[in-house]
Amino acid sequence: MTREAAAYRGRFAPSPTGPLHAGSLLAAVASYLDARAHGGQWLVRIEDIDPPREIPGAAESILRTLESFSLYWDENVLFQSTRLSAYEEALAALSATGLVFECTCSRRDIAETNAARGRPGSRIYPGTCREGVVHRRRRSSVRMRVGTGVVLFSDRLQGTVSQDLETRVGDFILRRRDGLFAYQLAVVVDDAWQGITEVVRGVDLLDSTARQIRLQHALGLETPGYMHFPVIVSAGGEKLSKQTGAAPIDARQRNLTAWNMLQLLGQSPPPELKGDAPEALWDWAIAHWCPQHLAGRRQLTES
């Protein structure tokens, strides 16, 4: 089925590493509005495949916050921790075609090799273990052979994007040395399994898209459409994230917060709606949704 013929299916896929902050709520709102404006479905997926980073109770907190903002999802929430066998099957399929290899390099190894080759500071994988692991007594990760050639795609806000994976990224990890599956593999497998036709997310993930498209092609999966919207940054230019101490969303201020989300997304609701409940604001935004106001932008300054 072609994307044009398929019904719109979008998703919001947070990691349970803490409560929602303004940046992650913006991602939820943007993906929700785009799905509803296209008469489509909106799914929620909890990306809980990195236990060392996860906070107990965070997944439930995220879901309750979405509900408090009247961001209601279709279908049951998918927890990636229930999908490990699917990632294993995808990895086996790639292995059968020779597209993956084991690697025992640490970040320090990669940095030292790049420095010795005249690329100090580079974190691009230099291909050390492509023909066989170097440090045989270490635990190994599994990497994807990126091959040669540029990945080219069209983004609804960022325009035409191209990336040469070999020179910009190098062979990337699909399963880590600790045995945990990497985001790049899991997101591709689950987007396909859930029939996602449009991926709407922050521009901070734009750099990951070429890797995901390369994986989709290797696995024989459909490539969804992409729209990467600007991320919120502090006055100092720092992206809002849990790592930078972004404050959790206060649901008691949800009316004002919902209004601010629409302002950040370049929408201009009528002044008389200010102070209304999120559901009323979303109804207006769905009817008037025009994300092109953000075309080409990478950052939004936190108010």
C-alpha atoms as a PDB file:
ATOM      1  CA  MET A   1       0.000   0.000   0.000  1.00  0.00           C
ATOM      2  CA  THR A   2       1.428   3.397  -0.925  1.00  0.00           C
ATOM      3  CA  ARG A   3       1.584   6.203   1.585  1.00  0.00           C
ATOM      4  CA  GLU A   4      -0.892   8.227  -0.515  1.00  0.00           C
ATOM      5  CA  ALA A   5      -3.415   5.394  -0.296  1.00  0.00           C
ATOM      6  CA  ALA A   6      -2.810   4.661   3.385  1.00  0.00           C
ATOM      7  CA  ALA A   7      -4.806   6.339   6.139  1.00  0.00           C
ATOM      8  CA  TYR A   8      -2.750   8.779   8.199  1.00  0.00           C
ATOM      9  CA  ARG A   9      -1.220   7.182  11.280  1.00  0.00           C
ATOM     10  CA  GLY A  10       1.040   9.282  13.476  1.00  0.00           C
ATOM     11  CA  ARG A  11       2.613   8.730  16.867  1.00  0.00           C
ATOM     12  CA  PHE A  12       4.232  10.272  19.922  1.00  0.00           C
ATOM     13  CA  ALA A  13       7.028   8.140  21.360  1.00  0.00           C
ATOM     14  CA  PRO A  14       8.530   9.439  24.623  1.00  0.00           C
ATOM     15  CA  SER A  15      11.164   7.695  26.721  1.00  0.00           C
ATOM     16  CA  PRO A  16      10.181   7.214  30.401  1.00  0.00           C
ATOM     17  CA  THR A  17      13.242   9.021  31.747  1.00  0.00           C
ATOM     18  CA  GLY A  18      11.212  11.588  33.658  1.00  0.00           C
ATOM     19  CA  PRO A  19       8.007  13.664  33.483  1.00  0.00           C
ATOM     20  CA  LEU A  20       7.039  15.644  30.395  1.00  0.00           C
ATOM     21  CA  HIS A  21       8.623  19.098  30.077  1.00  0.00           C
ATOM     22  CA  ALA A  22       7.746  21.880  27.633  1.00  0.00           C
ATOM     23  CA  GLY A  23       9.892  20.443  24.851  1.00  0.00           C
ATOM     24  CA  SER A  24       8.383  16.969  25.010  1.00  0.00           C
ATOM     25  CA  LEU A  25       4.842  18.352  25.359  1.00  0.00           C
ATOM     26  CA  LEU A  26       5.434  20.411  22.218  1.00  0.00           C
ATOM     27  CA  ALA A  27       6.338  17.197  20.389  1.00  0.00           C
ATOM     28  CA  ALA A  28       3.129  15.578  21.608  1.00  0.00           C
ATOM     29  CA  VAL A  29       0.980  18.548  20.602  1.00  0.00           C
ATOM     30  CA  ALA A  30       2.562  18.929  17.151  1.00  0.00           C
ATOM     31  CA  SER A  31       2.174  15.238  16.299  1.00  0.00           C
ATOM     32  CA  TYR A  32      -1.380  15.159  17.699  1.00  0.00           C
ATOM     33  CA  LEU A  33      -2.557  18.219  15.781  1.00  0.00           C
ATOM     34  CA  ASP A  34      -0.995  17.058  12.523  1.00  0.00           C
ATOM     35  CA  ALA A  35      -2.685  13.668  12.828  1.00  0.00           C
ATOM     36  CA  ARG A  36      -6.088  15.067  13.718  1.00  0.00           C
ATOM     37  CA  ALA A  37      -5.911  17.805  11.067  1.00  0.00           C
ATOM     38  CA  HIS A  38      -5.417  15.050   8.485  1.00  0.00           C
ATOM     39  CA  GLY A  39      -8.317  13.029   9.884  1.00  0.00           C
ATOM     40  CA  GLY A  40      -5.830  10.431  11.050  1.00  0.00           C
ATOM     41  CA  GLN A  41      -5.020   8.299  14.062  1.00  0.00           C
ATOM     42  CA  TRP A  42      -2.570   9.264  16.776  1.00  0.00           C
ATOM     43  CA  LEU A  43      -0.761   6.552  18.735  1.00  0.00           C
ATOM     44  CA  VAL A  44       1.406   6.673  21.844  1.00  0.00           C
ATOM     45  CA  ARG A  45       4.460   4.444  22.194  1.00  0.00           C
ATOM     46  CA  ILE A  46       6.593   4.292  25.343  1.00  0.00           C
ATOM     47  CA  GLU A  47      10.239   3.717  24.381  1.00  0.00           C
ATOM     48  CA  ASP A  48      11.256   1.771  27.483  1.00  0.00           C
ATOM     49  CA  ILE A  49      14.246  -0.186  26.170  1.00  0.00           C
ATOM     50  CA  ASP A  50      16.963   1.584  28.179  1.00  0.00           C
ATOM     51  CA  PRO A  51      16.329   0.563  31.827  1.00  0.00           C
ATOM     52  CA  PRO A  52      19.445   2.308  33.254  1.00  0.00           C
ATOM     53  CA  ARG A  53      18.032   5.686  32.162  1.00  0.00           C
ATOM     54  CA  GLU A  54      14.399   5.085  33.089  1.00  0.00           C
ATOM     55  CA  ILE A  55      12.663   6.552  36.136  1.00  0.00           C
ATOM     56  CA  PRO A  56      10.106   4.423  37.998  1.00  0.00           C
ATOM     57  CA  GLY A  57       6.609   5.812  37.462  1.00  0.00           C
ATOM     58  CA  ALA A  58       7.656   8.080  34.578  1.00  0.00           C
ATOM     59  CA  ALA A  59       5.609   6.239  31.949  1.00  0.00           C
ATOM     60  CA  GLU A  60       2.427   6.528  33.996  1.00  0.00           C
ATOM     61  CA  SER A  61       3.182  10.203  34.700  1.00  0.00           C
ATOM     62  CA  ILE A  62       3.608  10.905  30.974  1.00  0.00           C
ATOM     63  CA  LEU A  63       0.304   9.245  30.103  1.00  0.00           C
ATOM     64  CA  ARG A  64      -1.609  11.071  32.843  1.00  0.00           C
ATOM     65  CA  THR A  65      -0.133  14.404  31.725  1.00  0.00           C
ATOM     66  CA  LEU A  66      -1.245  13.773  28.143  1.00  0.00           C
ATOM     67  CA  GLU A  67      -4.739  13.008  29.380  1.00  0.00           C
ATOM     68  CA  SER A  68      -4.810  16.159  31.505  1.00  0.00           C
ATOM     69  CA  PHE A  69      -4.168  18.131  28.296  1.00  0.00           C
ATOM     70  CA  SER A  70      -6.938  16.254  26.436  1.00  0.00           C
ATOM     71  CA  LEU A  71      -4.379  14.581  24.187  1.00  0.00           C
ATOM     72  CA  TYR A  72      -6.184  11.281  23.808  1.00  0.00           C
ATOM     73  CA  TRP A  73      -4.604   8.484  21.805  1.00  0.00           C
ATOM     74  CA  ASP A  74      -6.069   5.775  19.598  1.00  0.00           C
ATOM     75  CA  GLU A  75      -5.411   2.088  20.285  1.00  0.00           C
ATOM     76  CA  ASN A  76      -3.503   0.684  23.246  1.00  0.00           C
ATOM     77  CA  VAL A  77      -0.209   2.224  24.301  1.00  0.00           C
ATOM     78  CA  LEU A  78       2.708   0.199  22.943  1.00  0.00           C
ATOM     79  CA  PHE A  79       5.590  -0.460  25.338  1.00  0.00           C
ATOM     80  CA  GLN A  80       8.785  -1.272  23.488  1.00  0.00           C
ATOM     81  CA  SER A  81       9.893  -3.581  26.287  1.00  0.00           C
ATOM     82  CA  THR A  82       7.260  -6.029  24.983  1.00  0.00           C
ATOM     83  CA  ARG A  83       8.822  -6.043  21.509  1.00  0.00           C
ATOM     84  CA  LEU A  84      12.314  -7.397  22.128  1.00  0.00           C
ATOM     85  CA  SER A  85      11.733 -10.551  20.086  1.00  0.00           C
ATOM     86  CA  ALA A  86      10.776  -8.413  17.070  1.00  0.00           C
ATOM     87  CA  TYR A  87      14.056  -6.487  17.305  1.00  0.00           C
ATOM     88  CA  GLU A  88      15.941  -9.770  17.569  1.00  0.00           C
ATOM     89  CA  GLU A  89      14.227 -11.032  14.428  1.00  0.00           C
ATOM     90  CA  ALA A  90      15.090  -7.840  12.542  1.00  0.00           C
ATOM     91  CA  LEU A  91      18.719  -8.124  13.640  1.00  0.00           C
ATOM     92  CA  ALA A  92      18.821 -11.747  12.480  1.00  0.00           C
ATOM     93  CA  ALA A  93      17.401 -10.747   9.087  1.00  0.00           C
ATOM     94  CA  LEU A  94      20.099  -8.108   8.659  1.00  0.00           C
ATOM     95  CA  SER A  95      22.770 -10.560   9.768  1.00  0.00           C
ATOM     96  CA  ALA A  96      21.611 -13.106   7.187  1.00  0.00           C
ATOM     97  CA  THR A  97      22.349 -10.581   4.439  1.00  0.00           C
ATOM     98  CA  GLY A  98      25.750  -9.605   5.849  1.00  0.00           C
ATOM     99  CA  LEU A  99      24.687  -6.077   6.722  1.00  0.00           C
ATOM    100  CA  VAL A 100      25.770  -6.193  10.364  1.00  0.00           C
ATOM    101  CA  PHE A 101      28.954  -7.077  12.218  1.00  0.00           C
ATOM    102  CA  GLU A 102      30.188  -7.361  15.787  1.00  0.00           C
ATOM    103  CA  CYS A 103      32.343  -4.579  17.211  1.00  0.00           C
ATOM    104  CA  THR A 104      34.300  -4.414  20.470  1.00  0.00           C
ATOM    105  CA  CYS A 105      35.469  -0.793  20.157  1.00  0.00           C
ATOM    106  CA  SER A 106      34.879   1.596  23.027  1.00  0.00           C
ATOM    107  CA  ARG A 107      34.316   5.324  22.562  1.00  0.00           C
ATOM    108  CA  ARG A 108      37.901   5.842  23.663  1.00  0.00           C
ATOM    109  CA  ASP A 109      39.126   3.385  21.022  1.00  0.00           C
ATOM    110  CA  ILE A 110      37.214   5.252  18.336  1.00  0.00           C
ATOM    111  CA  ALA A 111      38.549   8.625  19.484  1.00  0.00           C
ATOM    112  CA  GLU A 112      42.139   7.360  19.573  1.00  0.00           C
ATOM    113  CA  THR A 113      41.871   5.753  16.123  1.00  0.00           C
ATOM    114  CA  ASN A 114      40.417   8.903  14.610  1.00  0.00           C
ATOM    115  CA  ALA A 115      43.099  11.042  16.231  1.00  0.00           C
ATOM    116  CA  ALA A 116      45.813   8.747  14.861  1.00  0.00           C
ATOM    117  CA  ARG A 117      44.275   9.109  11.397  1.00  0.00           C
ATOM    118  CA  GLY A 118      44.349  12.894  11.571  1.00  0.00           C
ATOM    119  CA  ARG A 119      40.733  13.403  12.662  1.00  0.00           C
ATOM    120  CA  PRO A 120      41.048  14.560  16.291  1.00  0.00           C
ATOM    121  CA  GLY A 121      37.706  15.070  18.020  1.00  0.00           C
ATOM    122  CA  SER A 122      35.797  13.003  15.444  1.00  0.00           C
ATOM    123  CA  ARG A 123      33.295  10.474  16.806  1.00  0.00           C
ATOM    124  CA  ILE A 124      32.603   8.871  13.417  1.00  0.00           C
ATOM    125  CA  TYR A 125      33.156   5.128  13.575  1.00  0.00           C
ATOM    126  CA  PRO A 126      36.369   4.381  11.618  1.00  0.00           C
ATOM    127  CA  GLY A 127      35.472   0.815  10.593  1.00  0.00           C
ATOM    128  CA  THR A 128      37.938  -0.905  12.922  1.00  0.00           C
ATOM    129  CA  CYS A 129      36.022  -4.185  13.357  1.00  0.00           C
ATOM    130  CA  ARG A 130      34.402  -4.483   9.926  1.00  0.00           C
ATOM    131  CA  GLU A 131      36.537  -7.477   9.015  1.00  0.00           C
ATOM    132  CA  GLY A 132      36.652  -9.001  12.501  1.00  0.00           C
ATOM    133  CA  VAL A 133      36.695  -7.872  16.120  1.00  0.00           C
ATOM    134  CA  VAL A 134      39.948  -6.429  17.403  1.00  0.00           C
ATOM    135  CA  HIS A 135      39.562  -6.912  21.169  1.00  0.00           C
ATOM    136  CA  ARG A 136      38.327 -10.485  21.388  1.00  0.00           C
ATOM    137  CA  ARG A 137      37.961 -10.637  25.175  1.00  0.00           C
ATOM    138  CA  ARG A 138      35.528  -7.731  25.307  1.00  0.00           C
ATOM    139  CA  ARG A 139      31.765  -7.827  24.984  1.00  0.00           C
ATOM    140  CA  SER A 140      30.648  -6.771  21.529  1.00  0.00           C
ATOM    141  CA  SER A 141      28.048  -4.457  20.097  1.00  0.00           C
ATOM    142  CA  VAL A 142      26.394  -5.009  16.718  1.00  0.00           C
ATOM    143  CA  ARG A 143      26.807  -2.361  14.022  1.00  0.00           C
ATOM    144  CA  MET A 144      25.075  -1.721  10.711  1.00  0.00           C
ATOM    145  CA  ARG A 145      27.254  -1.455   7.603  1.00  0.00           C
ATOM    146  CA  VAL A 146      26.180   1.857   6.079  1.00  0.00           C
ATOM    147  CA  GLY A 147      27.850   1.339   2.720  1.00  0.00           C
ATOM    148  CA  THR A 148      28.339   4.158   0.251  1.00  0.00           C
ATOM    149  CA  GLY A 149      25.919   6.660  -1.248  1.00  0.00           C
ATOM    150  CA  VAL A 150      23.868   9.582  -0.025  1.00  0.00           C
ATOM    151  CA  VAL A 151      20.483   9.161   1.665  1.00  0.00           C
ATOM    152  CA  LEU A 152      18.107  11.812   0.319  1.00  0.00           C
ATOM    153  CA  PHE A 153      14.630  12.612   1.615  1.00  0.00           C
ATOM    154  CA  SER A 154      12.107  15.434   1.675  1.00  0.00           C
ATOM    155  CA  ASP A 155      11.031  16.873   5.010  1.00  0.00           C
ATOM    156  CA  ARG A 156       7.781  18.835   5.179  1.00  0.00           C
ATOM    157  CA  LEU A 157       9.367  21.671   7.169  1.00  0.00           C
ATOM    158  CA  GLN A 158      13.109  21.346   6.632  1.00  0.00           C
ATOM    159  CA  GLY A 159      12.975  20.767   2.866  1.00  0.00           C
ATOM    160  CA  THR A 160      15.337  18.444   1.025  1.00  0.00           C
ATOM    161  CA  VAL A 161      17.796  16.731   3.354  1.00  0.00           C
ATOM    162  CA  SER A 162      20.765  14.612   2.323  1.00  0.00           C
ATOM    163  CA  GLN A 163      23.348  12.752   4.349  1.00  0.00           C
ATOM    164  CA  ASP A 164      26.347  10.632   3.444  1.00  0.00           C
ATOM    165  CA  LEU A 165      26.277   8.100   6.259  1.00  0.00           C
ATOM    166  CA  GLU A 166      29.776   6.794   5.601  1.00  0.00           C
ATOM    167  CA  THR A 167      31.418  10.210   6.044  1.00  0.00           C
ATOM    168  CA  ARG A 168      28.984  11.770   8.514  1.00  0.00           C
ATOM    169  CA  VAL A 169      28.102   8.880  10.847  1.00  0.00           C
ATOM    170  CA  GLY A 170      29.883   5.649  10.023  1.00  0.00           C
ATOM    171  CA  ASP A 171      28.601   2.165  10.795  1.00  0.00           C
ATOM    172  CA  PHE A 172      26.089   2.696  13.607  1.00  0.00           C
ATOM    173  CA  ILE A 173      25.063   0.585  16.584  1.00  0.00           C
ATOM    174  CA  LEU A 174      21.945  -1.591  16.512  1.00  0.00           C
ATOM    175  CA  ARG A 175      22.613  -3.496  19.732  1.00  0.00           C
ATOM    176  CA  ARG A 176      24.833  -2.102  22.438  1.00  0.00           C
ATOM    177  CA  ARG A 177      27.671  -3.841  24.237  1.00  0.00           C
ATOM    178  CA  ASP A 178      25.405  -4.256  27.275  1.00  0.00           C
ATOM    179  CA  GLY A 179      22.933  -6.211  25.123  1.00  0.00           C
ATOM    180  CA  LEU A 180      20.273  -3.496  24.914  1.00  0.00           C
ATOM    181  CA  PHE A 181      18.773  -2.673  21.529  1.00  0.00           C
ATOM    182  CA  ALA A 182      19.509   0.753  20.108  1.00  0.00           C
ATOM    183  CA  TYR A 183      16.867   3.376  19.378  1.00  0.00           C
ATOM    184  CA  GLN A 184      17.571   3.356  15.645  1.00  0.00           C
ATOM    185  CA  LEU A 185      16.584  -0.293  15.216  1.00  0.00           C
ATOM    186  CA  ALA A 186      13.620  -0.280  17.592  1.00  0.00           C
ATOM    187  CA  VAL A 187      12.005   2.837  16.138  1.00  0.00           C
ATOM    188  CA  VAL A 188      12.216   1.501  12.568  1.00  0.00           C
ATOM    189  CA  VAL A 189      10.766  -1.893  13.481  1.00  0.00           C
ATOM    190  CA  ASP A 190       7.914  -0.411  15.509  1.00  0.00           C
ATOM    191  CA  ASP A 191       7.006   2.359  13.066  1.00  0.00           C
ATOM    192  CA  ALA A 192       6.562  -0.332  10.416  1.00  0.00           C
ATOM    193  CA  TRP A 193       4.692  -2.725  12.710  1.00  0.00           C
ATOM    194  CA  GLN A 194       2.258  -0.002  13.786  1.00  0.00           C
ATOM    195  CA  GLY A 195       1.762   1.192  10.221  1.00  0.00           C
ATOM    196  CA  ILE A 196       3.010   4.718  10.922  1.00  0.00           C
ATOM    197  CA  THR A 197       2.672   6.829   7.782  1.00  0.00           C
ATOM    198  CA  GLU A 198       3.902  10.191   9.131  1.00  0.00           C
ATOM    199  CA  VAL A 199       6.618  10.874  11.702  1.00  0.00           C
ATOM    200  CA  VAL A 200       6.287  14.305  13.314  1.00  0.00           C
ATOM    201  CA  ARG A 201       9.052  15.038  15.831  1.00  0.00           C
ATOM    202  CA  GLY A 202      11.697  17.551  16.891  1.00  0.00           C
ATOM    203  CA  VAL A 203      14.472  18.685  14.586  1.00  0.00           C
ATOM    204  CA  ASP A 204      16.995  17.301  17.089  1.00  0.00           C
ATOM    205  CA  LEU A 205      16.158  13.885  15.577  1.00  0.00           C
ATOM    206  CA  LEU A 206      16.619  15.011  11.970  1.00  0.00           C
ATOM    207  CA  ASP A 207      20.174  13.646  11.945  1.00  0.00           C
ATOM    208  CA  SER A 208      18.843  10.164  12.819  1.00  0.00           C
ATOM    209  CA  THR A 209      16.467  10.013   9.871  1.00  0.00           C
ATOM    210  CA  ALA A 210      18.990   8.946   7.221  1.00  0.00           C
ATOM    211  CA  ARG A 211      20.060   6.014   9.398  1.00  0.00           C
ATOM    212  CA  GLN A 212      16.447   4.978   9.836  1.00  0.00           C
ATOM    213  CA  ILE A 213      15.742   5.200   6.115  1.00  0.00           C
ATOM    214  CA  ARG A 214      18.810   3.073   5.381  1.00  0.00           C
ATOM    215  CA  LEU A 215      17.491   0.482   7.856  1.00  0.00           C
ATOM    216  CA  GLN A 216      14.001   0.597   6.340  1.00  0.00           C
ATOM    217  CA  HIS A 217      15.431  -0.137   2.910  1.00  0.00           C
ATOM    218  CA  ALA A 218      17.588  -2.968   4.264  1.00  0.00           C
ATOM    219  CA  LEU A 219      14.585  -4.574   5.984  1.00  0.00           C
ATOM    220  CA  GLY A 220      12.232  -4.053   3.045  1.00  0.00           C
ATOM    221  CA  LEU A 221       9.987  -1.666   5.005  1.00  0.00           C
ATOM    222  CA  GLU A 222       7.974   1.350   3.865  1.00  0.00           C
ATOM    223  CA  THR A 223       9.477   4.781   4.562  1.00  0.00           C
ATOM    224  CA  PRO A 224       7.008   7.142   6.261  1.00  0.00           C
ATOM    225  CA  GLY A 225       6.785  10.864   5.606  1.00  0.00           C
ATOM    226  CA  TYR A 226       8.762  13.119   7.945  1.00  0.00           C
ATOM    227  CA  MET A 227       8.206  16.513   9.492  1.00  0.00           C
ATOM    228  CA  HIS A 228      10.814  17.847  11.926  1.00  0.00           C
ATOM    229  CA  PHE A 229       9.701  20.950  13.796  1.00  0.00           C
ATOM    230  CA  PRO A 230      11.907  23.376  15.764  1.00  0.00           C
ATOM    231  CA  VAL A 231      12.920  22.517  19.321  1.00  0.00           C
ATOM    232  CA  ILE A 232      12.547  24.831  22.284  1.00  0.00           C
ATOM    233  CA  VAL A 233      15.771  26.350  23.568  1.00  0.00           C
ATOM    234  CA  SER A 234      16.508  28.476  26.622  1.00  0.00           C
ATOM    235  CA  ALA A 235      17.500  32.125  26.367  1.00  0.00           C
ATOM    236  CA  GLY A 236      21.085  30.858  26.315  1.00  0.00           C
ATOM    237  CA  GLY A 237      20.407  28.636  23.309  1.00  0.00           C
ATOM    238  CA  GLU A 238      20.377  25.330  25.202  1.00  0.00           C
ATOM    239  CA  LYS A 239      17.823  22.728  24.112  1.00  0.00           C
ATOM    240  CA  LEU A 240      15.259  21.922  26.772  1.00  0.00           C
ATOM    241  CA  SER A 241      15.735  18.386  28.031  1.00  0.00           C
ATOM    242  CA  LYS A 242      15.705  16.391  31.223  1.00  0.00           C
ATOM    243  CA  GLN A 243      19.510  16.407  31.116  1.00  0.00           C
ATOM    244  CA  THR A 244      19.573  20.214  31.173  1.00  0.00           C
ATOM    245  CA  GLY A 245      17.104  20.432  34.050  1.00  0.00           C
ATOM    246  CA  ALA A 246      13.943  21.337  32.130  1.00  0.00           C
ATOM    247  CA  ALA A 247      11.060  21.842  34.559  1.00  0.00           C
ATOM    248  CA  PRO A 248       8.215  19.315  34.506  1.00  0.00           C
ATOM    249  CA  ILE A 249       4.902  20.466  33.064  1.00  0.00           C
ATOM    250  CA  ASP A 250       2.538  21.838  35.713  1.00  0.00           C
ATOM    251  CA  ALA A 251      -0.876  20.463  34.769  1.00  0.00           C
ATOM    252  CA  ARG A 252      -2.508  23.078  37.018  1.00  0.00           C
ATOM    253  CA  GLN A 253      -1.478  25.669  34.423  1.00  0.00           C
ATOM    254  CA  ARG A 254      -2.653  23.586  31.481  1.00  0.00           C
ATOM    255  CA  ASN A 255      -4.878  26.276  29.911  1.00  0.00           C
ATOM    256  CA  LEU A 256      -2.047  28.794  29.678  1.00  0.00           C
ATOM    257  CA  THR A 257       0.444  26.091  28.740  1.00  0.00           C
ATOM    258  CA  ALA A 258      -1.743  24.864  25.877  1.00  0.00           C
ATOM    259  CA  TRP A 259      -2.068  28.441  24.595  1.00  0.00           C
ATOM    260  CA  ASN A 260       1.712  28.842  24.734  1.00  0.00           C
ATOM    261  CA  MET A 261       2.197  25.578  22.827  1.00  0.00           C
ATOM    262  CA  LEU A 262       0.106  26.923  19.928  1.00  0.00           C
ATOM    263  CA  GLN A 263       2.044  30.173  19.943  1.00  0.00           C
ATOM    264  CA  LEU A 264       5.336  28.289  19.802  1.00  0.00           C
ATOM    265  CA  LEU A 265       4.026  26.210  16.908  1.00  0.00           C
ATOM    266  CA  GLY A 266       3.363  29.355  14.881  1.00  0.00           C
ATOM    267  CA  GLN A 267      -0.411  29.142  15.197  1.00  0.00           C
ATOM    268  CA  SER A 268      -2.426  32.258  16.094  1.00  0.00           C
ATOM    269  CA  PRO A 269      -5.598  31.384  17.977  1.00  0.00           C
ATOM    270  CA  PRO A 270      -8.046  34.269  18.474  1.00  0.00           C
ATOM    271  CA  PRO A 271      -7.488  36.223  21.699  1.00  0.00           C
ATOM    272  CA  GLU A 272     -10.905  35.272  23.053  1.00  0.00           C
ATOM    273  CA  LEU A 273      -9.735  31.663  23.341  1.00  0.00           C
ATOM    274  CA  LYS A 274      -6.922  32.540  25.715  1.00  0.00           C
ATOM    275  CA  GLY A 275      -7.625  30.890  29.037  1.00  0.00           C
ATOM    276  CA  ASP A 276      -9.872  28.240  27.512  1.00  0.00           C
ATOM    277  CA  ALA A 277      -9.315  24.563  28.235  1.00  0.00           C
ATOM    278  CA  PRO A 278      -6.860  22.660  26.029  1.00  0.00           C
ATOM    279  CA  GLU A 279      -9.639  20.722  24.302  1.00  0.00           C
ATOM    280  CA  ALA A 280     -11.158  23.950  22.944  1.00  0.00           C
ATOM    281  CA  LEU A 281      -7.758  25.186  21.807  1.00  0.00           C
ATOM    282  CA  TRP A 282      -7.010  21.890  20.047  1.00  0.00           C
ATOM    283  CA  ASP A 283     -10.378  22.021  18.266  1.00  0.00           C
ATOM    284  CA  TRP A 284      -9.498  25.452  16.877  1.00  0.00           C
ATOM    285  CA  ALA A 285      -5.943  24.400  16.011  1.00  0.00           C
ATOM    286  CA  ILE A 286      -7.050  21.261  14.170  1.00  0.00           C
ATOM    287  CA  ALA A 287      -9.394  23.319  11.999  1.00  0.00           C
ATOM    288  CA  HIS A 288      -6.696  25.939  11.262  1.00  0.00           C
ATOM    289  CA  TRP A 289      -3.521  23.831  11.399  1.00  0.00           C
ATOM    290  CA  CYS A 290      -0.718  25.361   9.319  1.00  0.00           C
ATOM    291  CA  PRO A 291       2.732  24.133  10.406  1.00  0.00           C
ATOM    292  CA  GLN A 292       4.365  25.815   7.386  1.00  0.00           C
ATOM    293  CA  HIS A 293       4.741  28.926   9.529  1.00  0.00           C
ATOM    294  CA  LEU A 294       7.740  27.054  10.998  1.00  0.00           C
ATOM    295  CA  ALA A 295       9.313  26.041   7.669  1.00  0.00           C
ATOM    296  CA  GLY A 296      13.095  25.975   7.804  1.00  0.00           C
ATOM    297  CA  ARG A 297      13.324  26.916  11.487  1.00  0.00           C
ATOM    298  CA  ARG A 298      15.438  24.873  13.901  1.00  0.00           C
ATOM    299  CA  GLN A 299      14.865  26.619  17.244  1.00  0.00           C
ATOM    300  CA  LEU A 300      12.106  28.255  19.263  1.00  0.00           C
ATOM    301  CA  THR A 301      13.042  30.456  22.216  1.00  0.00           C
ATOM    302  CA  GLU A 302      11.399  29.585  25.520  1.00  0.00           C
ATOM    303  CA  SER A 303       9.194  32.392  26.764  1.00  0.00           C
END
